[in-house]
Amino acid sequence: MAAGDGAQLPATVAASRSVEKALEEAAASGALNLANRKLKEFPRSARNYDLSDITHADLSKNRLCELPEELCQFISLETLSLYHNGMRSMSPSLGNLQALTYLNLSRNLLSSLPPSVFELPLLRVLIVSNNKLCSLPQEKTFLPNLEDTMNVGKKLNENRMKTLSLHHPEISELPLVRLDVSCNRVSHVPLCYRHLRHLQSILLDNNPLQMPPAQICSKGKYHIFKYLNMEACKRSQEELERRLRPTGFNSW
């Protein structure tokens, strides 16, 4: 064995023991702290511990390329931090975490957010700053089988219902109070976001914004929502006028 290999062995053993200690503590306390462990995947040894009741998980500052499926089985999770990893995609299984209130996905490599993010009925804080997001999910994106997304609260046909989560909220029903999408590539804020009536803070700094314009977004939530409402009214009026416009007359 080379001297260099031998010198690294104690650190490797110490790191392994540190992970095992964290798993042991999580089973006892309900809080899993695996931050800054250089993890490329969820520890396989976690299956040796009963983590079914954990409510808090911190896997920030690791080397995860995707959301570990194992995390999506912990349905009691209330807070989840995956800050500063290398994640490029999110599993639809995220929607399993129906108790989640806080989700930090900042400083990753996400180019889009899956509909499952908006299948979390209790989510209050969503932080996705410093990613590569080019767009934000729209209501029609995460309710693909509804002709009229505004009627989602009404009775649903059974054939449609089987493709949706039973707890699938309309965007206006989400209790989201903080949304941080700063430092991405977002150019448009969907009009349906004006229905987030609980929202107290929306951060859109350092995006190539066109709608609403950056100078409007820099003024804060009130001005953003005012713009979105005005734009929605304008489009509704244009649509109404289009429908009422007389069609051409036949020439014979």
Protein backbone atom coordinates (compact mmCIF):
# COMPACT_ATOMS: atom_id res chain seq x y z
CA MET A 1 0.00 0.00 0.00
CA ALA A 2 1.34 3.41 -0.93
CA ALA A 3 2.06 5.82 1.86
CA GLY A 4 -0.44 8.29 0.43
CA ASP A 5 -3.21 5.68 0.48
CA GLY A 6 -2.47 4.80 4.06
CA ALA A 7 -2.53 8.46 5.07
CA GLN A 8 -6.03 8.91 3.62
CA LEU A 9 -7.53 5.87 5.31
CA PRO A 10 -8.22 7.44 8.75
CA ALA A 11 -10.11 10.35 7.14
CA THR A 12 -12.24 7.93 5.09
CA VAL A 13 -13.04 5.84 8.14
CA ALA A 14 -13.84 8.99 10.13
CA ALA A 15 -16.20 10.22 7.39
CA SER A 16 -17.98 6.86 7.32
CA ARG A 17 -18.36 6.86 11.07
CA SER A 18 -19.63 10.44 10.90
CA VAL A 19 -22.38 9.42 8.48
CA GLU A 20 -23.34 6.44 10.62
CA LYS A 21 -23.47 8.69 13.67
CA ALA A 22 -25.74 11.11 11.84
CA LEU A 23 -28.08 8.28 10.82
CA GLU A 24 -28.16 6.95 14.38
CA GLU A 25 -28.98 10.41 15.75
CA ALA A 26 -31.68 10.92 13.10
CA ALA A 27 -33.43 7.71 14.12
CA ALA A 28 -33.54 8.99 17.69
CA SER A 29 -34.27 12.70 17.14
CA GLY A 30 -36.25 12.87 13.88
CA ALA A 31 -33.74 15.30 12.35
CA LEU A 32 -31.30 14.07 9.70
CA ASN A 33 -28.17 16.17 9.18
CA LEU A 34 -25.98 14.95 6.34
CA ALA A 35 -24.80 18.36 5.19
CA ASN A 36 -21.30 18.80 3.78
CA ARG A 37 -20.40 15.07 3.61
CA LYS A 38 -19.34 14.90 -0.07
CA LEU A 39 -22.17 12.43 -0.69
CA LYS A 40 -22.88 11.40 -4.30
CA GLU A 41 -25.88 9.29 -3.29
CA PHE A 42 -28.03 8.67 -0.25
CA PRO A 43 -26.15 6.42 2.22
CA ARG A 44 -27.01 2.78 1.56
CA SER A 45 -26.54 2.01 5.22
CA ALA A 46 -29.60 4.17 5.99
CA ARG A 47 -31.75 1.08 5.47
CA ASN A 48 -30.31 -0.22 8.73
CA TYR A 49 -32.04 2.55 10.67
CA ASP A 50 -35.69 3.42 11.19
CA LEU A 51 -35.94 6.86 9.59
CA SER A 52 -39.66 6.66 8.80
CA ASP A 53 -40.53 9.40 11.30
CA ILE A 54 -37.90 12.02 10.46
CA THR A 55 -39.36 15.49 9.98
CA HIS A 56 -36.25 17.47 9.02
CA ALA A 57 -33.52 16.58 6.52
CA ASP A 58 -30.48 18.61 5.52
CA LEU A 59 -28.36 17.25 2.66
CA SER A 60 -26.94 20.58 1.56
CA LYS A 61 -23.38 21.03 0.28
CA ASN A 62 -22.97 17.54 -1.13
CA ARG A 63 -22.47 16.17 -4.65
CA LEU A 64 -25.92 14.82 -5.42
CA CYS A 65 -26.85 14.85 -9.12
CA GLU A 66 -30.51 14.13 -8.53
CA LEU A 67 -33.06 13.95 -5.76
CA PRO A 68 -32.51 10.67 -3.88
CA GLU A 69 -35.57 8.44 -4.19
CA GLU A 70 -35.00 7.31 -0.62
CA LEU A 71 -35.83 10.81 0.65
CA CYS A 72 -39.19 10.69 -1.12
CA GLN A 73 -40.22 7.78 1.08
CA PHE A 74 -39.97 9.85 4.27
CA ILE A 75 -43.54 11.11 4.14
CA SER A 76 -43.32 12.86 7.52
CA LEU A 77 -40.70 15.33 6.25
CA GLU A 78 -41.59 18.95 6.97
CA THR A 79 -38.34 20.64 5.93
CA LEU A 80 -35.87 19.58 3.26
CA SER A 81 -32.68 21.37 2.27
CA LEU A 82 -30.74 20.30 -0.82
CA TYR A 83 -28.86 23.57 -1.14
CA HIS A 84 -25.57 23.59 -3.06
CA ASN A 85 -25.50 20.18 -4.76
CA GLY A 86 -25.16 19.38 -8.46
CA MET A 87 -28.76 18.34 -9.09
CA ARG A 88 -29.96 18.58 -12.68
CA SER A 89 -33.35 16.97 -12.23
CA MET A 90 -36.05 16.37 -9.64
CA SER A 91 -37.97 13.13 -9.27
CA PRO A 92 -41.78 13.25 -9.60
CA SER A 93 -41.72 11.27 -6.33
CA LEU A 94 -41.17 14.60 -4.58
CA GLY A 95 -44.96 14.81 -4.59
CA ASN A 96 -45.01 12.04 -1.96
CA LEU A 97 -43.82 14.53 0.66
CA GLN A 98 -47.27 15.91 1.40
CA ALA A 99 -46.22 17.28 4.83
CA LEU A 100 -43.40 19.43 3.41
CA THR A 101 -43.56 23.11 4.36
CA TYR A 102 -39.99 24.23 3.49
CA LEU A 103 -37.96 23.27 0.42
CA ASN A 104 -34.55 24.71 -0.42
CA LEU A 105 -33.21 23.76 -3.87
CA SER A 106 -30.93 26.75 -4.34
CA ARG A 107 -27.47 26.56 -5.93
CA ASN A 108 -28.08 23.53 -8.11
CA LEU A 109 -28.23 23.00 -11.88
CA LEU A 110 -31.98 22.71 -12.36
CA SER A 111 -33.26 23.95 -15.72
CA SER A 112 -36.91 23.31 -14.84
CA LEU A 113 -39.15 22.54 -11.91
CA PRO A 114 -41.33 19.44 -12.04
CA PRO A 115 -45.10 19.66 -11.50
CA SER A 116 -44.56 17.67 -8.31
CA VAL A 117 -43.28 20.82 -6.59
CA PHE A 118 -46.80 22.19 -6.81
CA GLU A 119 -48.31 18.98 -5.50
CA LEU A 120 -47.13 19.88 -2.01
CA PRO A 121 -50.27 21.27 -0.35
CA LEU A 122 -48.55 22.63 2.78
CA LEU A 123 -45.50 24.20 1.13
CA ARG A 124 -44.85 27.68 2.55
CA VAL A 125 -41.26 28.40 1.52
CA LEU A 126 -39.75 27.49 -1.86
CA ILE A 127 -36.17 28.59 -2.59
CA VAL A 128 -34.85 27.85 -6.07
CA SER A 129 -32.40 30.72 -6.50
CA ASN A 130 -29.10 30.26 -8.35
CA ASN A 131 -30.19 27.51 -10.72
CA LYS A 132 -30.63 27.49 -14.50
CA LEU A 133 -34.40 27.85 -14.60
CA CYS A 134 -35.68 29.25 -17.87
CA SER A 135 -39.36 29.19 -16.93
CA LEU A 136 -41.74 28.65 -14.04
CA PRO A 137 -44.45 25.97 -14.00
CA GLN A 138 -47.84 27.20 -15.12
CA GLU A 139 -51.21 25.98 -13.92
CA LYS A 140 -51.86 24.16 -17.19
CA THR A 141 -48.50 22.45 -16.82
CA PHE A 142 -49.28 20.79 -13.53
CA LEU A 143 -52.97 20.22 -14.27
CA PRO A 144 -52.60 18.75 -17.77
CA ASN A 145 -55.92 16.92 -17.93
CA LEU A 146 -58.22 19.82 -17.11
CA GLU A 147 -59.70 21.85 -19.96
CA ASP A 148 -60.50 24.65 -17.53
CA THR A 149 -57.86 24.97 -14.82
CA MET A 150 -59.90 27.57 -12.98
CA ASN A 151 -62.53 24.93 -12.20
CA VAL A 152 -60.14 22.54 -10.45
CA GLY A 153 -62.03 22.97 -7.18
CA LYS A 154 -65.22 21.60 -8.73
CA LYS A 155 -66.11 17.94 -9.03
CA LEU A 156 -63.71 16.02 -11.20
CA ASN A 157 -64.52 13.25 -13.56
CA GLU A 158 -63.09 9.91 -12.31
CA ASN A 159 -61.05 9.40 -15.48
CA ARG A 160 -59.30 12.68 -14.92
CA MET A 161 -58.91 12.15 -11.21
CA LYS A 162 -56.82 9.01 -11.56
CA THR A 163 -54.03 11.02 -13.20
CA LEU A 164 -53.89 13.56 -10.38
CA SER A 165 -52.76 13.51 -6.79
CA LEU A 166 -55.74 13.34 -4.46
CA HIS A 167 -54.33 16.37 -2.68
CA HIS A 168 -53.47 18.23 -5.90
CA PRO A 169 -54.06 21.92 -5.10
CA GLU A 170 -54.95 24.73 -7.42
CA ILE A 171 -52.11 27.26 -7.35
CA SER A 172 -54.29 29.79 -5.51
CA GLU A 173 -54.79 27.24 -2.72
CA LEU A 174 -51.09 26.80 -1.98
CA PRO A 175 -50.12 28.42 1.34
CA LEU A 176 -46.82 29.61 -0.17
CA VAL A 177 -45.55 32.69 1.70
CA ARG A 178 -42.05 32.94 0.25
CA LEU A 179 -40.87 32.21 -3.29
CA ASP A 180 -37.24 32.86 -4.21
CA VAL A 181 -36.41 32.43 -7.91
CA SER A 182 -33.54 34.93 -8.03
CA CYS A 183 -30.43 34.35 -10.15
CA ASN A 184 -31.97 32.17 -12.85
CA ARG A 185 -32.95 32.62 -16.52
CA VAL A 186 -36.64 33.34 -16.10
CA SER A 187 -38.13 35.82 -18.57
CA HIS A 188 -41.86 35.50 -17.80
CA VAL A 189 -43.87 35.14 -14.59
CA PRO A 190 -47.04 33.16 -15.39
CA LEU A 191 -50.25 35.12 -14.93
CA CYS A 192 -51.67 32.41 -12.66
CA TYR A 193 -49.10 33.33 -9.98
CA ARG A 194 -51.27 36.35 -9.16
CA HIS A 195 -53.60 33.88 -7.42
CA LEU A 196 -51.00 33.04 -4.75
CA ARG A 197 -52.98 34.98 -2.17
CA HIS A 198 -50.83 33.93 0.80
CA LEU A 199 -47.57 35.05 -0.79
CA GLN A 200 -45.72 37.66 1.24
CA SER A 201 -42.36 37.67 -0.56
CA ILE A 202 -41.38 36.91 -4.15
CA LEU A 203 -37.75 37.38 -5.18
CA LEU A 204 -36.94 37.61 -8.90
CA ASP A 205 -33.64 39.51 -8.90
CA ASN A 206 -31.03 38.77 -11.57
CA ASN A 207 -33.33 37.25 -14.18
CA PRO A 208 -33.77 38.43 -17.81
CA LEU A 209 -37.33 39.48 -17.03
CA GLN A 210 -39.64 40.68 -19.79
CA MET A 211 -43.05 40.09 -18.21
CA PRO A 212 -43.34 41.80 -15.82
CA PRO A 213 -40.39 44.04 -16.77
CA ALA A 214 -37.43 43.99 -14.41
CA GLN A 215 -38.11 47.55 -13.21
CA ILE A 216 -41.57 46.44 -12.06
CA CYS A 217 -40.28 43.30 -10.33
CA SER A 218 -37.65 45.27 -8.46
CA LYS A 219 -40.44 47.17 -6.67
CA GLY A 220 -41.75 44.07 -4.94
CA LYS A 221 -44.81 41.84 -4.69
CA TYR A 222 -47.51 44.53 -4.75
CA HIS A 223 -46.31 45.96 -8.06
CA ILE A 224 -45.70 42.51 -9.55
CA PHE A 225 -49.23 41.37 -8.71
CA LYS A 226 -50.72 44.65 -9.91
CA TYR A 227 -49.00 44.18 -13.26
CA LEU A 228 -50.10 40.54 -13.56
CA ASN A 229 -53.70 41.47 -12.74
CA MET A 230 -53.72 44.28 -15.31
CA GLU A 231 -52.19 41.99 -17.93
CA ALA A 232 -54.78 39.29 -17.17
CA CYS A 233 -57.62 41.82 -17.54
CA LYS A 234 -56.15 43.08 -20.80
CA ARG A 235 -55.90 39.57 -22.23
CA SER A 236 -59.41 38.73 -21.08
CA GLN A 237 -60.73 41.86 -22.81
CA GLU A 238 -58.84 41.04 -25.99
CA GLU A 239 -60.21 37.50 -25.94
CA LEU A 240 -63.76 38.79 -25.40
CA GLU A 241 -63.42 41.23 -28.28
CA ARG A 242 -62.05 38.48 -30.49
CA ARG A 243 -65.02 36.25 -29.73
CA LEU A 244 -67.54 39.06 -30.35
CA ARG A 245 -65.89 40.20 -33.55
CA PRO A 246 -68.25 39.49 -36.47
CA THR A 247 -67.08 36.91 -38.97
CA GLY A 248 -66.83 37.70 -42.63
CA PHE A 249 -69.91 37.57 -44.83
CA ASN A 250 -70.26 35.07 -47.58
CA SER A 251 -69.96 36.62 -51.05
CA TRP A 252 -72.77 34.53 -52.50
